[in-house]
Amino acid sequence: MATKMILDCDPGHDDAIAILLALGSPDIDLLGVTTIGGNHSLEKVTYNARAVCELAGRPGTPVHAGCMKPLVREAIDAAYIHGQTGLDGVDLPEPSRPLPDQHAVTWLIETIMSHAPGTITVVPTGPLTNIAVAARLEPRIVERVKEIVFMGGAYGVGNATPVAEFNILCDPEAAHIVVNESWPLTMIGLDVTHRALCTPEVQRVISSANPRLADAVDGLMDFFRSTYRDQEAFPDPPTHDPCAVAYVIDPDLVPTRRCPIDVELRGGLTYGMTVADMRAIPAMPAGSGDSGSSVGSEGSGGSGGSGSCTSRVGIGLDTDRFWDLVASALARLG
């Protein structure tokens, strides 16, 4: 049975590929897309989400705009990577359906509460503001969500600062709320996504998978590669966000380690750092779910104060199978 998913995102070149992957996978029932300002303004990323659904031939996919600003800090963006539209390098079709008035947080809560418990996986691939606000407005969603699988953070080196990843640094206070709730939670951070490099060889494979989408995929990846080379000294762009969607489709792609996670809010040099306490808990084979040992840690991220760790971090990626999954999904998009 296909996994029911809500994708919370800020398109963004890699978010665009994540949307196409979710729409093209037979293992995902994409209930809708919610948007959050991050890679660019809320207005632009919401337009981009709708345009990507149009490109995919799925204009009826619900898209709802979310929070305009972080909870506490001033907004930042990544226009230096994604360009002035948030999706520079490609001409996307005009969305054919109007944007609903209902706020993303309200829609997210209503959707989760109207489905049976344990049936909806939420995949945030941008700042975590919408998810944090939803958990505060309706705490009952925490026990109803099947899992939160978010792209963000790192237990190693950051990218926005030496220790902080961009999505988390956009709204560290929201991330702190999300990782300290008791829902099952998996962090797909830079330690995973920096392995998902879209090399020219990979690009040829995924663009040729669907001739109708080839120009769009090439335009997205060519622009993404050029800015990563100029701004981040990467020869090829790490395609972050599809890794979180791919993990939901096939957990065997990503080995994980169960451990408490928290977000640093007070350090002058470490603000926005995701801290994964990996001292005492063994690594889990890919796809092993919650079979690893758990540890109690009062006040630790993902523990909920219950003495049982409900969070884990990705520690690797089967890159060949990951790109095969992306190509297969693109090929199914009509």
Protein backbone atom coordinates (compact mmCIF):
# COMPACT_ATOMS: atom_id res chain seq x y z
CA MET A 1 0.00 0.00 0.00
CA ALA A 2 1.31 3.45 -0.92
CA THR A 3 2.45 5.65 1.96
CA LYS A 4 0.28 8.71 2.48
CA MET A 5 2.60 11.73 2.48
CA ILE A 6 2.49 15.46 3.05
CA LEU A 7 5.50 17.23 1.54
CA ASP A 8 6.39 20.51 3.26
CA CYS A 9 8.92 22.32 1.08
CA ASP A 10 10.46 25.54 -0.26
CA PRO A 11 11.18 24.94 -3.98
CA GLY A 12 14.23 25.27 -4.71
CA HIS A 13 15.88 23.10 -7.36
CA ASP A 14 16.28 20.02 -5.17
CA ASP A 15 12.74 20.47 -3.80
CA ALA A 16 11.48 20.40 -7.38
CA ILE A 17 13.09 17.00 -7.90
CA ALA A 18 11.62 15.86 -4.57
CA ILE A 19 8.12 16.83 -5.74
CA LEU A 20 8.60 14.98 -9.03
CA LEU A 21 9.90 11.92 -7.17
CA ALA A 22 6.89 11.89 -4.84
CA LEU A 23 4.41 12.37 -7.69
CA GLY A 24 6.03 9.71 -9.87
CA SER A 25 6.47 6.99 -7.27
CA PRO A 26 3.78 4.31 -7.05
CA ASP A 27 4.77 3.86 -3.40
CA ILE A 28 3.70 7.41 -2.46
CA ASP A 29 0.18 8.80 -2.17
CA LEU A 30 0.98 12.52 -2.09
CA LEU A 31 -1.93 14.09 -0.23
CA GLY A 32 -0.65 17.59 -0.78
CA VAL A 33 2.22 20.04 -0.72
CA THR A 34 2.64 22.76 1.91
CA THR A 35 5.12 25.58 1.41
CA ILE A 36 7.40 27.59 3.66
CA GLY A 37 9.72 30.50 2.95
CA GLY A 38 13.33 29.33 2.88
CA ASN A 39 15.17 28.99 -0.39
CA HIS A 40 13.23 32.07 -1.43
CA SER A 41 10.20 34.09 -0.33
CA LEU A 42 6.96 32.30 0.50
CA GLU A 43 5.29 33.84 -2.56
CA LYS A 44 7.94 32.56 -4.96
CA VAL A 45 8.34 29.06 -3.51
CA THR A 46 4.56 28.59 -3.44
CA TYR A 47 4.33 29.57 -7.11
CA ASN A 48 7.20 27.18 -7.84
CA ALA A 49 5.48 24.28 -6.07
CA ARG A 50 2.32 24.81 -8.11
CA ALA A 51 4.31 25.16 -11.34
CA VAL A 52 6.23 21.93 -10.69
CA CYS A 53 2.97 20.06 -10.11
CA GLU A 54 1.75 21.51 -13.41
CA LEU A 55 4.96 20.38 -15.12
CA ALA A 56 4.45 16.88 -13.73
CA GLY A 57 0.95 16.71 -15.20
CA ARG A 58 -0.61 16.77 -11.71
CA PRO A 59 -2.13 20.27 -11.48
CA GLY A 60 -4.77 19.04 -9.07
CA THR A 61 -2.24 18.27 -6.34
CA PRO A 62 -3.26 20.44 -3.36
CA VAL A 63 -0.74 23.19 -2.59
CA HIS A 64 -1.15 25.40 0.48
CA ALA A 65 1.02 28.35 1.48
CA GLY A 66 2.34 28.38 5.04
CA CYS A 67 4.17 30.67 7.43
CA MET A 68 5.81 33.77 5.98
CA LYS A 69 8.44 34.27 8.69
CA PRO A 70 10.47 32.25 11.21
CA LEU A 71 9.23 32.09 14.80
CA VAL A 72 11.90 34.38 16.24
CA ARG A 73 14.80 35.29 13.97
CA GLU A 74 14.84 37.42 10.84
CA ALA A 75 14.23 35.54 7.59
CA ILE A 76 17.15 34.46 5.43
CA ASP A 77 17.09 32.85 1.98
CA ALA A 78 19.30 31.02 -0.50
CA ALA A 79 18.76 33.13 -3.62
CA TYR A 80 22.52 32.99 -4.14
CA ILE A 81 22.05 29.27 -4.91
CA HIS A 82 18.56 29.13 -6.42
CA GLY A 83 18.41 32.44 -8.30
CA GLN A 84 15.90 35.27 -8.26
CA THR A 85 12.86 33.05 -8.91
CA GLY A 86 13.97 30.23 -6.62
CA LEU A 87 13.97 27.99 -9.71
CA ASP A 88 16.20 29.82 -12.17
CA GLY A 89 17.34 27.96 -15.27
CA VAL A 90 13.98 26.54 -16.36
CA ASP A 91 10.76 27.90 -17.88
CA LEU A 92 7.94 26.33 -15.90
CA PRO A 93 4.30 26.21 -17.01
CA GLU A 94 1.89 28.69 -15.50
CA PRO A 95 -0.21 27.08 -12.72
CA SER A 96 -3.68 26.44 -14.07
CA ARG A 97 -5.50 26.34 -10.72
CA PRO A 98 -5.87 29.09 -8.13
CA LEU A 99 -4.03 28.92 -4.83
CA PRO A 100 -6.42 27.89 -2.02
CA ASP A 101 -7.03 30.43 0.75
CA GLN A 102 -6.62 27.87 3.53
CA HIS A 103 -3.34 28.25 5.40
CA ALA A 104 -0.93 25.33 5.16
CA VAL A 105 -0.86 24.79 8.93
CA THR A 106 -4.66 24.60 9.13
CA TRP A 107 -4.80 22.21 6.17
CA LEU A 108 -2.02 20.07 7.60
CA ILE A 109 -3.78 19.73 10.97
CA GLU A 110 -7.17 18.96 9.38
CA THR A 111 -5.64 16.38 7.06
CA ILE A 112 -3.77 14.55 9.81
CA MET A 113 -6.76 14.60 12.17
CA SER A 114 -9.13 13.32 9.47
CA HIS A 115 -7.01 10.23 8.72
CA ALA A 116 -6.48 7.20 10.90
CA PRO A 117 -3.58 7.45 13.35
CA GLY A 118 -0.26 6.21 12.03
CA THR A 119 -1.13 6.59 8.36
CA ILE A 120 0.44 9.92 7.30
CA THR A 121 4.17 10.57 6.95
CA VAL A 122 5.18 14.24 6.93
CA VAL A 123 8.31 15.08 4.94
CA PRO A 124 9.62 18.61 5.53
CA THR A 125 12.44 19.62 3.18
CA GLY A 126 12.65 23.28 4.19
CA PRO A 127 12.58 25.23 7.46
CA LEU A 128 10.42 23.55 10.10
CA THR A 129 8.17 26.52 10.96
CA ASN A 130 4.91 25.04 9.62
CA ILE A 131 5.46 21.76 11.46
CA ALA A 132 6.31 23.46 14.75
CA VAL A 133 3.28 25.76 14.59
CA ALA A 134 1.01 22.82 13.76
CA ALA A 135 2.31 20.84 16.73
CA ARG A 136 1.65 23.79 19.04
CA LEU A 137 -1.79 24.59 17.64
CA GLU A 138 -2.98 20.96 17.74
CA PRO A 139 -0.76 18.78 19.95
CA ARG A 140 -2.85 15.69 19.12
CA ILE A 141 -1.20 15.46 15.70
CA VAL A 142 2.04 14.36 17.38
CA GLU A 143 0.58 10.99 18.35
CA ARG A 144 -1.28 10.59 15.05
CA VAL A 145 1.59 11.13 12.60
CA LYS A 146 3.24 7.96 11.37
CA GLU A 147 6.65 9.63 11.12
CA ILE A 148 8.42 12.92 10.46
CA VAL A 149 11.24 12.51 7.91
CA PHE A 150 12.97 15.85 7.48
CA MET A 151 15.81 16.99 5.27
CA GLY A 152 17.94 19.19 7.45
CA GLY A 153 20.71 19.30 9.97
CA ALA A 154 23.98 17.42 10.15
CA TYR A 155 25.88 15.52 12.80
CA GLY A 156 29.06 16.57 10.99
CA VAL A 157 29.91 19.78 9.17
CA GLY A 158 27.23 22.36 8.37
CA ASN A 159 26.76 24.39 5.20
CA ALA A 160 25.21 27.69 6.33
CA THR A 161 27.75 27.97 9.17
CA PRO A 162 30.59 25.63 10.16
CA VAL A 163 28.12 23.64 12.26
CA ALA A 164 24.59 24.62 11.11
CA GLU A 165 22.69 23.38 8.07
CA PHE A 166 20.64 25.94 6.11
CA ASN A 167 17.10 24.63 6.75
CA ILE A 168 17.70 24.50 10.49
CA LEU A 169 19.42 27.89 10.60
CA CYS A 170 16.39 29.44 8.88
CA ASP A 171 14.33 28.73 12.01
CA PRO A 172 16.27 27.03 14.82
CA GLU A 173 13.50 27.64 17.35
CA ALA A 174 10.99 25.79 15.17
CA ALA A 175 13.47 22.94 14.65
CA HIS A 176 13.98 22.75 18.42
CA ILE A 177 10.24 22.26 18.88
CA VAL A 178 9.99 19.59 16.19
CA VAL A 179 12.93 17.43 17.29
CA ASN A 180 11.82 17.53 20.93
CA GLU A 181 8.33 16.18 20.28
CA SER A 182 7.69 12.47 20.84
CA TRP A 183 6.70 11.53 17.28
CA PRO A 184 8.93 9.10 15.36
CA LEU A 185 11.44 11.30 13.60
CA THR A 186 14.28 10.71 11.13
CA MET A 187 16.85 13.35 10.23
CA ILE A 188 18.18 13.10 6.68
CA GLY A 189 21.03 15.57 6.99
CA LEU A 190 24.05 16.69 5.02
CA ASP A 191 25.84 13.51 6.08
CA VAL A 192 23.44 11.72 3.70
CA THR A 193 22.63 14.33 1.09
CA HIS A 194 26.19 15.33 0.24
CA ARG A 195 26.49 11.84 -1.21
CA ALA A 196 23.63 12.51 -3.67
CA LEU A 197 25.76 14.37 -6.20
CA CYS A 198 24.10 14.97 -9.56
CA THR A 199 27.08 14.33 -11.81
CA PRO A 200 26.79 14.88 -15.57
CA GLU A 201 26.46 11.09 -15.95
CA VAL A 202 23.63 10.98 -13.43
CA GLN A 203 21.97 13.95 -15.09
CA ARG A 204 21.99 12.19 -18.47
CA VAL A 205 20.25 9.19 -16.91
CA ILE A 206 17.52 11.09 -15.09
CA SER A 207 16.83 13.56 -17.92
CA SER A 208 16.58 10.79 -20.51
CA ALA A 209 14.14 8.87 -18.32
CA ASN A 210 11.30 11.08 -19.52
CA PRO A 211 11.77 13.03 -22.79
CA ARG A 212 8.85 15.34 -21.91
CA LEU A 213 10.67 16.48 -18.76
CA ALA A 214 14.22 16.36 -20.15
CA ASP A 215 14.58 20.08 -20.87
CA ALA A 216 13.23 21.02 -17.45
CA VAL A 217 15.46 18.55 -15.60
CA ASP A 218 18.52 19.65 -17.56
CA GLY A 219 17.73 23.32 -16.97
CA LEU A 220 17.29 22.76 -13.24
CA MET A 221 20.46 20.74 -12.83
CA ASP A 222 22.63 22.90 -15.09
CA PHE A 223 21.78 26.03 -13.10
CA PHE A 224 22.12 24.20 -9.78
CA ARG A 225 25.55 22.89 -10.78
CA SER A 226 26.79 26.31 -11.84
CA THR A 227 25.83 28.02 -8.58
CA TYR A 228 27.20 25.21 -6.42
CA ARG A 229 30.50 25.43 -8.28
CA ASP A 230 30.63 29.21 -7.91
CA GLN A 231 29.30 29.55 -4.37
CA GLU A 232 30.12 26.30 -2.58
CA ALA A 233 33.08 24.86 -4.54
CA PHE A 234 31.17 21.64 -5.30
CA PRO A 235 31.95 20.18 -8.75
CA ASP A 236 28.40 18.79 -8.87
CA PRO A 237 25.33 19.76 -6.86
CA PRO A 238 24.23 17.69 -3.86
CA THR A 239 20.55 17.04 -4.50
CA HIS A 240 19.41 17.17 -0.89
CA ASP A 241 15.64 17.02 -0.67
CA PRO A 242 14.81 13.94 -2.76
CA CYS A 243 16.86 11.91 -0.27
CA ALA A 244 14.14 12.34 2.37
CA VAL A 245 11.40 11.29 -0.05
CA ALA A 246 13.50 8.36 -1.23
CA TYR A 247 13.99 7.18 2.35
CA VAL A 248 10.21 6.99 2.80
CA ILE A 249 9.88 5.01 -0.43
CA ASP A 250 12.74 2.62 0.35
CA PRO A 251 14.31 2.80 3.83
CA ASP A 252 16.98 0.32 2.69
CA LEU A 253 18.61 3.21 0.84
CA VAL A 254 19.69 4.93 4.06
CA PRO A 255 21.27 3.25 7.09
CA THR A 256 20.33 5.08 10.28
CA ARG A 257 21.46 5.39 13.88
CA ARG A 258 18.94 5.87 16.66
CA CYS A 259 19.93 8.71 18.96
CA PRO A 260 18.55 11.79 20.69
CA ILE A 261 18.68 14.96 18.59
CA ASP A 262 18.53 18.55 19.79
CA VAL A 263 19.08 22.01 18.32
CA GLU A 264 21.41 24.59 19.84
CA LEU A 265 19.73 27.94 20.45
CA ARG A 266 22.14 29.82 22.71
CA GLY A 267 25.67 29.33 21.39
CA GLY A 268 27.26 32.33 19.74
CA LEU A 269 29.17 30.12 17.32
CA THR A 270 26.83 27.12 17.31
CA TYR A 271 23.35 28.66 16.92
CA GLY A 272 21.28 26.34 14.74
CA MET A 273 23.55 23.31 15.16
CA THR A 274 21.83 19.93 15.28
CA VAL A 275 23.39 17.89 18.08
CA ALA A 276 23.04 14.12 17.69
CA ASP A 277 24.12 12.17 20.76
CA MET A 278 25.60 9.09 19.12
CA ARG A 279 27.76 7.95 22.05
CA ALA A 280 25.96 4.84 23.22
CA ILE A 281 23.58 3.56 20.56
CA PRO A 282 24.72 1.21 17.78
CA ALA A 283 24.21 1.89 14.11
CA MET A 284 21.11 0.35 12.52
CA PRO A 285 21.24 -1.43 9.15
CA ALA A 286 19.39 0.28 6.34
CA GLY A 287 15.67 -0.41 6.50
CA SER A 288 15.78 -1.80 10.03
CA GLY A 289 13.23 0.67 11.36
CA ASP A 290 13.10 0.93 15.16
CA SER A 291 14.80 -2.38 15.85
CA GLY A 292 17.90 -0.75 17.36
CA SER A 293 18.31 -0.22 21.07
CA SER A 294 16.84 2.87 22.68
CA VAL A 295 18.14 5.10 25.40
CA GLY A 296 16.48 7.38 27.91
CA SER A 297 17.66 10.98 28.03
CA GLU A 298 15.53 13.47 29.93
CA GLY A 299 15.08 16.58 27.83
CA SER A 300 16.96 15.15 24.84
CA GLY A 301 15.69 15.66 21.34
CA GLY A 302 13.22 12.97 20.29
CA SER A 303 12.92 11.51 23.78
CA GLY A 304 9.78 13.35 24.83
CA GLY A 305 11.01 12.86 28.39
CA SER A 306 9.64 9.32 28.27
CA GLY A 307 12.91 7.42 28.56
CA SER A 308 12.52 6.06 25.02
CA CYS A 309 14.36 7.56 22.06
CA THR A 310 12.09 8.05 19.05
CA SER A 311 14.55 9.82 16.77
CA ARG A 312 17.28 8.66 14.41
CA VAL A 313 19.72 10.09 11.90
CA GLY A 314 20.72 8.92 8.45
CA ILE A 315 24.39 8.01 8.17
CA GLY A 316 24.80 6.90 4.54
CA LEU A 317 23.18 6.52 1.12
CA ASP A 318 23.10 3.85 -1.57
CA THR A 319 23.64 6.40 -4.33
CA ASP A 320 23.18 4.10 -7.33
CA ARG A 321 19.82 2.83 -6.10
CA PHE A 322 18.80 6.37 -5.12
CA TRP A 323 19.29 7.71 -8.64
CA ASP A 324 17.61 4.63 -10.12
CA LEU A 325 14.60 5.44 -7.94
CA VAL A 326 14.54 9.05 -9.17
CA ALA A 327 14.82 7.99 -12.82
CA SER A 328 12.02 5.42 -12.44
CA ALA A 329 9.71 7.99 -10.87
CA LEU A 330 10.39 10.55 -13.59
CA ALA A 331 9.69 7.94 -16.25
CA ARG A 332 6.21 7.35 -14.79
CA LEU A 333 5.15 10.98 -15.08
CA GLY A 334 3.30 10.59 -18.35
